[in-house]
Amino acid sequence: EENRVRRRMRPRSAPERTLYGLRCVVVLFLRKLEQRNEHRVLALQEGPTVNELDQANILFASFRGCSATHGGITRETYGPGEDAAHKIFAEVAKIDFGLVTYVDTAHNTWTGSPRGRPVVLGSHLDSVPMGGNFDGAAGVVAGLLVAARLKGKGVQVVALRGEESAWFGECYLGSKALLEGWGPETMARTSRSTGRTL
């Protein structure tokens, strides 16, 4: 009987499954923080509120609007779609949630509340050609919900640039810039759509 009830409660549509996944990620992350005893988050163990899920839906719809194609999502690395998605992310973090935002030298967008040794969450906002709207974006949105809920507790979120290799023939560009920098070979890579170098 219990399994039948669980199956019935399981979300069926793609947006419902994504929001259900976000709820699970936020709850698991909050529990992990509490286990580490670095933050007291007992009152935050419940999943996202209706307002937070509404905000997630709005963000996903806004990110979809940054796509260069219909029927699938195309946000080219360092292209207009990825730029627009990063701008939306920064504005929502700053205006709606009151978080500090900044952009690093690789144009990764950061938000949250820097304090001591931060916990960093995030993902990417670019996509493969005709990809899915939740790939990457779900990690950014889930991180933003956690950072907003734990404002002032040292949680930071990064929206990375250039995760996908489809555009410059090299993946993890934003992460690589953070961890080791770009060498001359990376800097000389050209975009498959514009021919411009990084």
Protein backbone atom coordinates (compact mmCIF):
# COMPACT_ATOMS: atom_id res chain seq x y z
CA GLU A 1 0.00 0.00 0.00
CA GLU A 2 2.77 2.42 0.95
CA ASN A 3 4.61 1.80 -2.34
CA ARG A 4 1.39 2.38 -4.30
CA VAL A 5 0.89 5.73 -2.54
CA ARG A 6 4.51 6.72 -3.26
CA ARG A 7 4.12 5.86 -6.94
CA ARG A 8 0.95 7.93 -7.11
CA MET A 9 2.71 10.91 -5.52
CA ARG A 10 5.64 10.71 -7.95
CA PRO A 11 5.64 13.61 -10.44
CA ARG A 12 4.74 12.65 -14.00
CA SER A 13 5.54 15.59 -16.31
CA ALA A 14 9.10 16.79 -17.03
CA PRO A 15 8.66 20.11 -15.13
CA GLU A 16 7.13 18.27 -12.15
CA ARG A 17 10.04 15.80 -12.11
CA THR A 18 12.57 18.65 -12.27
CA LEU A 19 10.94 20.55 -9.40
CA TYR A 20 10.69 17.30 -7.41
CA GLY A 21 14.42 16.81 -8.06
CA LEU A 22 15.15 20.36 -6.91
CA ARG A 23 13.20 19.72 -3.73
CA CYS A 24 15.28 16.57 -3.09
CA VAL A 25 18.59 18.36 -3.79
CA VAL A 26 17.76 21.22 -1.42
CA VAL A 27 16.64 18.89 1.39
CA LEU A 28 19.70 16.63 1.01
CA PHE A 29 22.05 19.60 0.97
CA LEU A 30 20.51 21.11 4.10
CA ARG A 31 20.84 17.76 5.89
CA LYS A 32 24.48 17.48 4.81
CA LEU A 33 25.23 20.94 6.20
CA GLU A 34 23.66 20.00 9.50
CA GLN A 35 25.68 16.77 9.70
CA ARG A 36 28.87 18.81 9.26
CA ASN A 37 27.78 20.99 12.21
CA GLU A 38 29.02 24.05 10.34
CA HIS A 39 25.55 25.60 10.16
CA ARG A 40 22.50 25.20 12.33
CA VAL A 41 19.76 24.56 9.82
CA LEU A 42 17.26 22.50 11.82
CA ALA A 43 14.47 24.91 10.91
CA LEU A 44 15.31 24.62 7.22
CA GLN A 45 15.01 20.84 6.78
CA GLU A 46 11.78 21.11 4.79
CA GLY A 47 11.96 21.41 1.02
CA PRO A 48 11.40 24.57 -1.01
CA THR A 49 8.26 26.56 -0.34
CA VAL A 50 5.59 27.18 -2.95
CA ASN A 51 7.05 30.67 -3.54
CA GLU A 52 10.53 29.21 -4.07
CA LEU A 53 9.19 26.65 -6.55
CA ASP A 54 7.30 29.43 -8.34
CA GLN A 55 10.56 31.36 -8.56
CA ALA A 56 12.30 28.25 -9.94
CA ASN A 57 9.59 27.91 -12.60
CA ILE A 58 9.99 31.58 -13.55
CA LEU A 59 13.77 31.17 -13.81
CA PHE A 60 13.47 28.07 -16.01
CA ALA A 61 11.00 29.88 -18.28
CA SER A 62 13.32 32.90 -18.45
CA PHE A 63 16.31 30.70 -19.29
CA ARG A 64 14.24 28.99 -22.01
CA GLY A 65 13.58 32.44 -23.49
CA CYS A 66 17.36 32.91 -23.90
CA SER A 67 17.52 30.05 -26.39
CA ALA A 68 18.44 30.72 -30.01
CA THR A 69 16.23 27.85 -31.21
CA HIS A 70 12.71 26.49 -30.70
CA GLY A 71 11.98 22.84 -29.94
CA GLY A 72 15.28 22.49 -28.12
CA ILE A 73 17.52 24.77 -26.08
CA THR A 74 20.59 26.39 -27.63
CA ARG A 75 22.62 28.71 -25.42
CA GLU A 76 26.02 29.05 -27.05
CA THR A 77 29.11 29.30 -24.85
CA TYR A 78 29.99 33.02 -24.53
CA GLY A 79 27.13 33.76 -26.94
CA PRO A 80 24.09 36.03 -26.56
CA GLY A 81 21.88 33.30 -25.02
CA GLU A 82 24.37 32.37 -22.33
CA ASP A 83 25.06 36.07 -21.65
CA ALA A 84 21.31 36.71 -21.22
CA ALA A 85 20.89 33.71 -18.88
CA HIS A 86 23.77 34.93 -16.69
CA LYS A 87 22.26 38.41 -16.55
CA ILE A 88 18.87 37.00 -15.48
CA PHE A 89 20.53 34.82 -12.81
CA ALA A 90 22.45 37.80 -11.39
CA GLU A 91 19.40 40.07 -11.38
CA VAL A 92 17.16 37.52 -9.65
CA ALA A 93 19.86 36.78 -7.04
CA LYS A 94 20.39 40.48 -6.34
CA ILE A 95 16.89 41.95 -6.67
CA ASP A 96 14.61 39.08 -5.60
CA PHE A 97 16.85 37.44 -2.97
CA GLY A 98 19.11 40.34 -1.87
CA LEU A 99 22.33 38.42 -2.49
CA VAL A 100 25.71 39.88 -3.44
CA THR A 101 26.65 39.14 -7.07
CA TYR A 102 29.85 39.53 -9.06
CA VAL A 103 31.53 38.25 -12.22
CA ASP A 104 35.06 36.80 -12.30
CA THR A 105 37.65 37.16 -15.06
CA ALA A 106 36.24 34.18 -17.02
CA HIS A 107 32.76 35.76 -16.73
CA ASN A 108 31.46 33.08 -14.36
CA THR A 109 28.67 34.67 -12.31
CA TRP A 110 28.84 34.32 -8.50
CA THR A 111 26.26 35.07 -5.85
CA GLY A 112 25.62 34.31 -2.22
CA SER A 113 27.03 35.47 1.06
CA PRO A 114 30.82 35.19 1.28
CA ARG A 115 31.93 34.33 4.79
CA GLY A 116 34.95 32.38 5.95
CA ARG A 117 35.35 29.14 4.03
CA PRO A 118 32.25 29.07 1.80
CA VAL A 119 30.25 26.11 0.60
CA VAL A 120 30.05 26.50 -3.18
CA LEU A 121 27.16 25.14 -5.26
CA GLY A 122 26.30 25.60 -8.91
CA SER A 123 26.45 24.39 -12.47
CA HIS A 124 26.42 25.92 -15.98
CA LEU A 125 23.98 27.89 -18.14
CA ASP A 126 25.30 27.14 -21.64
CA SER A 127 23.90 24.19 -23.59
CA VAL A 128 24.63 21.87 -26.47
CA PRO A 129 22.74 22.71 -29.68
CA MET A 130 19.08 21.73 -29.26
CA GLY A 131 19.67 20.52 -25.70
CA GLY A 132 17.40 20.43 -22.65
CA ASN A 133 16.41 23.44 -20.57
CA PHE A 134 17.21 21.80 -17.23
CA ASP A 135 20.73 20.54 -18.05
CA GLY A 136 22.99 22.75 -15.97
CA ALA A 137 20.26 25.25 -15.15
CA ALA A 138 18.72 22.94 -12.52
CA GLY A 139 21.98 22.97 -10.54
CA VAL A 140 22.17 26.76 -10.73
CA VAL A 141 18.54 27.19 -9.62
CA ALA A 142 18.83 24.63 -6.79
CA GLY A 143 21.98 26.37 -5.57
CA LEU A 144 20.27 29.75 -5.66
CA LEU A 145 17.36 28.44 -3.57
CA VAL A 146 19.79 27.10 -0.96
CA ALA A 147 21.85 30.33 -0.91
CA ALA A 148 18.70 32.42 -0.52
CA ARG A 149 17.46 30.23 2.31
CA LEU A 150 20.85 30.28 4.08
CA LYS A 151 21.64 33.93 3.47
CA GLY A 152 24.58 35.11 5.55
CA LYS A 153 25.80 31.58 6.29
CA GLY A 154 28.64 31.33 3.77
CA VAL A 155 26.86 29.61 0.87
CA GLN A 156 27.93 30.74 -2.59
CA VAL A 157 26.55 29.80 -6.00
CA VAL A 158 28.45 29.90 -9.28
CA ALA A 159 26.93 29.86 -12.75
CA LEU A 160 29.81 28.56 -14.82
CA ARG A 161 30.64 29.45 -18.41
CA GLY A 162 31.44 27.02 -21.18
CA GLU A 163 30.66 23.61 -19.67
CA GLU A 164 29.81 22.11 -23.06
CA SER A 165 32.50 21.34 -25.65
CA ALA A 166 30.15 21.81 -28.62
CA TRP A 167 31.15 25.43 -29.25
CA PHE A 168 34.92 25.73 -28.75
CA GLY A 169 35.94 22.07 -28.91
CA GLU A 170 36.92 22.13 -25.23
CA CYS A 171 34.68 21.60 -22.22
CA TYR A 172 34.70 23.02 -18.67
CA LEU A 173 36.08 26.41 -19.74
CA GLY A 174 34.69 28.30 -16.74
CA SER A 175 35.87 25.64 -14.27
CA LYS A 176 39.28 25.46 -15.92
CA ALA A 177 39.69 29.23 -15.63
CA LEU A 178 39.02 28.96 -11.88
CA LEU A 179 41.27 26.00 -11.17
CA GLU A 180 44.24 26.35 -13.50
CA GLY A 181 43.66 29.25 -15.88
CA TRP A 182 43.69 29.18 -19.67
CA GLY A 183 46.90 28.56 -21.55
CA PRO A 184 47.67 29.89 -25.05
CA GLU A 185 46.14 26.79 -26.68
CA THR A 186 42.80 27.35 -24.95
CA MET A 187 42.86 31.10 -25.65
CA ALA A 188 43.38 30.39 -29.38
CA ARG A 189 40.32 28.15 -29.68
CA THR A 190 37.68 29.47 -32.06
CA SER A 191 33.88 29.36 -31.83
CA ARG A 192 32.33 26.99 -34.32
CA SER A 193 29.57 29.50 -35.07
CA THR A 194 31.40 32.85 -35.15
CA GLY A 195 35.04 31.91 -35.75
CA ARG A 196 36.09 34.29 -32.94
CA THR A 197 38.77 33.17 -30.46
CA LEU A 198 38.16 32.93 -26.73
